[in-house]
Amino acid sequence: MPADNYSKGIQTIERVIIQGMSKIGRHVTAANFTWNHGRVAVVIDMTDVEIRIGLRAVVGIFSMEEIEDAASLVSRPETLRTVQRIVDEAGRLPR
Protein backbone atom coordinates (compact mmCIF):
# COMPACT_ATOMS: atom_id res chain seq x y z
CA MET A 1 0.00 0.00 0.00
CA PRO A 2 2.79 2.57 0.66
CA ALA A 3 3.99 2.34 -2.97
CA ASP A 4 0.38 2.88 -4.10
CA ASN A 5 0.01 5.98 -1.87
CA TYR A 6 3.40 7.18 -3.08
CA SER A 7 2.35 6.95 -6.76
CA LYS A 8 -1.00 8.56 -6.04
CA GLY A 9 0.70 11.31 -4.05
CA ILE A 10 3.13 12.14 -6.85
CA GLN A 11 0.22 12.31 -9.30
CA THR A 12 -1.80 14.53 -6.94
CA ILE A 13 1.15 16.90 -6.46
CA GLU A 14 1.62 17.07 -10.24
CA ARG A 15 -2.08 17.88 -10.73
CA VAL A 16 -1.94 20.68 -8.16
CA ILE A 17 1.12 22.17 -9.87
CA ILE A 18 -0.58 21.88 -13.28
CA GLN A 19 -3.67 23.64 -11.88
CA GLY A 20 -1.50 26.37 -10.37
CA MET A 21 0.28 26.89 -13.67
CA SER A 22 -3.04 27.03 -15.50
CA LYS A 23 -4.26 29.76 -13.14
CA ILE A 24 -1.32 31.94 -14.19
CA GLY A 25 -1.89 31.24 -17.88
CA ARG A 26 0.87 28.67 -18.43
CA HIS A 27 -0.05 25.35 -20.02
CA VAL A 28 1.86 22.33 -18.72
CA THR A 29 1.06 18.63 -18.68
CA ALA A 30 2.41 15.55 -16.93
CA ALA A 31 4.95 15.36 -19.78
CA ASN A 32 6.67 18.47 -18.32
CA PHE A 33 7.52 16.55 -15.14
CA THR A 34 10.32 14.23 -14.24
CA TRP A 35 10.58 12.68 -10.83
CA ASN A 36 12.50 9.93 -9.20
CA HIS A 37 14.81 9.86 -12.24
CA GLY A 38 12.59 7.45 -14.15
CA ARG A 39 12.12 4.93 -11.35
CA VAL A 40 8.42 4.21 -11.05
CA ALA A 41 6.77 3.59 -7.69
CA VAL A 42 10.05 3.21 -5.83
CA VAL A 43 9.49 4.58 -2.36
CA ILE A 44 12.48 6.63 -1.23
CA ASP A 45 12.97 9.12 1.60
CA MET A 46 13.20 12.25 -0.58
CA THR A 47 12.03 12.74 -4.16
CA ASP A 48 12.97 15.54 -6.54
CA VAL A 49 9.99 16.64 -8.59
CA GLU A 50 11.20 18.58 -11.60
CA ILE A 51 9.04 20.57 -13.98
CA ARG A 52 10.68 21.48 -17.29
CA ILE A 53 9.72 24.64 -19.14
CA GLY A 54 11.67 24.77 -22.37
CA LEU A 55 15.34 24.30 -21.59
CA ARG A 56 14.99 25.26 -17.93
CA ALA A 57 13.60 23.45 -14.92
CA VAL A 58 12.32 24.09 -11.42
CA VAL A 59 12.85 21.44 -8.75
CA GLY A 60 10.91 20.78 -5.58
CA ILE A 61 11.99 18.22 -3.02
CA PHE A 62 9.29 16.30 -1.19
CA SER A 63 9.64 13.80 1.64
CA MET A 64 8.12 10.34 1.43
CA GLU A 65 5.62 11.35 4.15
CA GLU A 66 4.58 14.48 2.23
CA ILE A 67 4.03 12.46 -0.94
CA GLU A 68 2.11 9.65 0.75
CA ASP A 69 -0.06 12.19 2.63
CA ALA A 70 -0.92 13.78 -0.73
CA ALA A 71 -2.43 10.54 -2.08
CA SER A 72 -5.87 12.17 -2.26
CA LEU A 73 -5.26 15.84 -1.31
CA VAL A 74 -2.32 18.19 -0.94
CA SER A 75 -2.93 19.73 2.48
CA ARG A 76 0.32 19.79 4.44
CA PRO A 77 1.58 23.37 4.82
CA GLU A 78 5.15 22.49 3.82
CA THR A 79 3.91 20.67 0.72
CA LEU A 80 1.68 23.57 -0.25
CA ARG A 81 4.60 26.00 0.19
CA THR A 82 6.85 23.91 -2.05
CA VAL A 83 4.11 23.59 -4.69
CA GLN A 84 3.53 27.35 -4.64
CA ARG A 85 7.26 28.04 -4.95
CA ILE A 86 7.44 25.70 -7.95
CA VAL A 87 4.48 27.45 -9.61
CA ASP A 88 5.94 30.89 -8.91
CA GLU A 89 9.40 30.01 -10.23
CA ALA A 90 8.14 28.04 -13.25
CA GLY A 91 5.75 30.86 -14.09
CA ARG A 92 8.68 33.25 -14.42
CA LEU A 93 10.66 31.00 -16.78
CA PRO A 94 10.67 32.03 -20.44
CA ARG A 95 8.39 29.94 -22.63
C-alpha atoms as a PDB file:
ATOM      1  CA  MET A   1       0.000   0.000   0.000  1.00  0.00           C
ATOM      2  CA  PRO A   2       2.785   2.572   0.655  1.00  0.00           C
ATOM      3  CA  ALA A   3       3.991   2.336  -2.973  1.00  0.00           C
ATOM      4  CA  ASP A   4       0.379   2.883  -4.095  1.00  0.00           C
ATOM      5  CA  ASN A   5       0.007   5.983  -1.872  1.00  0.00           C
ATOM      6  CA  TYR A   6       3.396   7.181  -3.083  1.00  0.00           C
ATOM      7  CA  SER A   7       2.355   6.947  -6.755  1.00  0.00           C
ATOM      8  CA  LYS A   8      -1.003   8.561  -6.044  1.00  0.00           C
ATOM      9  CA  GLY A   9       0.701  11.308  -4.050  1.00  0.00           C
ATOM     10  CA  ILE A  10       3.129  12.140  -6.854  1.00  0.00           C
ATOM     11  CA  GLN A  11       0.220  12.308  -9.297  1.00  0.00           C
ATOM     12  CA  THR A  12      -1.797  14.529  -6.943  1.00  0.00           C
ATOM     13  CA  ILE A  13       1.151  16.901  -6.457  1.00  0.00           C
ATOM     14  CA  GLU A  14       1.622  17.071 -10.245  1.00  0.00           C
ATOM     15  CA  ARG A  15      -2.084  17.875 -10.729  1.00  0.00           C
ATOM     16  CA  VAL A  16      -1.943  20.681  -8.158  1.00  0.00           C
ATOM     17  CA  ILE A  17       1.123  22.166  -9.867  1.00  0.00           C
ATOM     18  CA  ILE A  18      -0.584  21.876 -13.283  1.00  0.00           C
ATOM     19  CA  GLN A  19      -3.667  23.639 -11.879  1.00  0.00           C
ATOM     20  CA  GLY A  20      -1.499  26.369 -10.370  1.00  0.00           C
ATOM     21  CA  MET A  21       0.284  26.893 -13.673  1.00  0.00           C
ATOM     22  CA  SER A  22      -3.045  27.031 -15.501  1.00  0.00           C
ATOM     23  CA  LYS A  23      -4.257  29.764 -13.142  1.00  0.00           C
ATOM     24  CA  ILE A  24      -1.319  31.940 -14.188  1.00  0.00           C
ATOM     25  CA  GLY A  25      -1.892  31.238 -17.878  1.00  0.00           C
ATOM     26  CA  ARG A  26       0.869  28.670 -18.429  1.00  0.00           C
ATOM     27  CA  HIS A  27      -0.049  25.352 -20.018  1.00  0.00           C
ATOM     28  CA  VAL A  28       1.857  22.334 -18.721  1.00  0.00           C
ATOM     29  CA  THR A  29       1.057  18.627 -18.679  1.00  0.00           C
ATOM     30  CA  ALA A  30       2.414  15.546 -16.931  1.00  0.00           C
ATOM     31  CA  ALA A  31       4.954  15.361 -19.778  1.00  0.00           C
ATOM     32  CA  ASN A  32       6.668  18.467 -18.323  1.00  0.00           C
ATOM     33  CA  PHE A  33       7.516  16.554 -15.141  1.00  0.00           C
ATOM     34  CA  THR A  34      10.324  14.232 -14.244  1.00  0.00           C
ATOM     35  CA  TRP A  35      10.585  12.679 -10.828  1.00  0.00           C
ATOM     36  CA  ASN A  36      12.496   9.932  -9.197  1.00  0.00           C
ATOM     37  CA  HIS A  37      14.812   9.862 -12.241  1.00  0.00           C
ATOM     38  CA  GLY A  38      12.591   7.450 -14.152  1.00  0.00           C
ATOM     39  CA  ARG A  39      12.124   4.927 -11.353  1.00  0.00           C
ATOM     40  CA  VAL A  40       8.422   4.208 -11.053  1.00  0.00           C
ATOM     41  CA  ALA A  41       6.768   3.589  -7.686  1.00  0.00           C
ATOM     42  CA  VAL A  42      10.046   3.214  -5.833  1.00  0.00           C
ATOM     43  CA  VAL A  43       9.487   4.580  -2.357  1.00  0.00           C
ATOM     44  CA  ILE A  44      12.479   6.627  -1.231  1.00  0.00           C
ATOM     45  CA  ASP A  45      12.972   9.116   1.604  1.00  0.00           C
ATOM     46  CA  MET A  46      13.198  12.245  -0.577  1.00  0.00           C
ATOM     47  CA  THR A  47      12.035  12.735  -4.159  1.00  0.00           C
ATOM     48  CA  ASP A  48      12.975  15.543  -6.537  1.00  0.00           C
ATOM     49  CA  VAL A  49       9.990  16.640  -8.595  1.00  0.00           C
ATOM     50  CA  GLU A  50      11.202  18.581 -11.602  1.00  0.00           C
ATOM     51  CA  ILE A  51       9.040  20.569 -13.984  1.00  0.00           C
ATOM     52  CA  ARG A  52      10.677  21.481 -17.285  1.00  0.00           C
ATOM     53  CA  ILE A  53       9.724  24.643 -19.138  1.00  0.00           C
ATOM     54  CA  GLY A  54      11.666  24.774 -22.374  1.00  0.00           C
ATOM     55  CA  LEU A  55      15.344  24.299 -21.588  1.00  0.00           C
ATOM     56  CA  ARG A  56      14.992  25.260 -17.925  1.00  0.00           C
ATOM     57  CA  ALA A  57      13.596  23.452 -14.919  1.00  0.00           C
ATOM     58  CA  VAL A  58      12.320  24.089 -11.421  1.00  0.00           C
ATOM     59  CA  VAL A  59      12.847  21.441  -8.753  1.00  0.00           C
ATOM     60  CA  GLY A  60      10.913  20.777  -5.579  1.00  0.00           C
ATOM     61  CA  ILE A  61      11.990  18.217  -3.016  1.00  0.00           C
ATOM     62  CA  PHE A  62       9.289  16.299  -1.186  1.00  0.00           C
ATOM     63  CA  SER A  63       9.636  13.804   1.645  1.00  0.00           C
ATOM     64  CA  MET A  64       8.120  10.341   1.428  1.00  0.00           C
ATOM     65  CA  GLU A  65       5.622  11.350   4.146  1.00  0.00           C
ATOM     66  CA  GLU A  66       4.578  14.476   2.226  1.00  0.00           C
ATOM     67  CA  ILE A  67       4.034  12.457  -0.936  1.00  0.00           C
ATOM     68  CA  GLU A  68       2.110   9.653   0.754  1.00  0.00           C
ATOM     69  CA  ASP A  69      -0.058  12.186   2.627  1.00  0.00           C
ATOM     70  CA  ALA A  70      -0.920  13.776  -0.733  1.00  0.00           C
ATOM     71  CA  ALA A  71      -2.433  10.538  -2.085  1.00  0.00           C
ATOM     72  CA  SER A  72      -5.872  12.171  -2.256  1.00  0.00           C
ATOM     73  CA  LEU A  73      -5.264  15.836  -1.313  1.00  0.00           C
ATOM     74  CA  VAL A  74      -2.324  18.195  -0.941  1.00  0.00           C
ATOM     75  CA  SER A  75      -2.934  19.734   2.478  1.00  0.00           C
ATOM     76  CA  ARG A  76       0.320  19.787   4.440  1.00  0.00           C
ATOM     77  CA  PRO A  77       1.579  23.373   4.819  1.00  0.00           C
ATOM     78  CA  GLU A  78       5.146  22.485   3.824  1.00  0.00           C
ATOM     79  CA  THR A  79       3.912  20.665   0.717  1.00  0.00           C
ATOM     80  CA  LEU A  80       1.683  23.574  -0.250  1.00  0.00           C
ATOM     81  CA  ARG A  81       4.600  26.004   0.186  1.00  0.00           C
ATOM     82  CA  THR A  82       6.845  23.906  -2.052  1.00  0.00           C
ATOM     83  CA  VAL A  83       4.113  23.589  -4.686  1.00  0.00           C
ATOM     84  CA  GLN A  84       3.533  27.353  -4.637  1.00  0.00           C
ATOM     85  CA  ARG A  85       7.263  28.037  -4.952  1.00  0.00           C
ATOM     86  CA  ILE A  86       7.444  25.698  -7.954  1.00  0.00           C
ATOM     87  CA  VAL A  87       4.485  27.445  -9.613  1.00  0.00           C
ATOM     88  CA  ASP A  88       5.939  30.894  -8.908  1.00  0.00           C
ATOM     89  CA  GLU A  89       9.400  30.014 -10.235  1.00  0.00           C
ATOM     90  CA  ALA A  90       8.139  28.037 -13.249  1.00  0.00           C
ATOM     91  CA  GLY A  91       5.750  30.864 -14.086  1.00  0.00           C
ATOM     92  CA  ARG A  92       8.684  33.249 -14.422  1.00  0.00           C
ATOM     93  CA  LEU A  93      10.662  30.997 -16.784  1.00  0.00           C
ATOM     94  CA  PRO A  94      10.675  32.031 -20.442  1.00  0.00           C
ATOM     95  CA  ARG A  95       8.394  29.942 -22.627  1.00  0.00           C
END
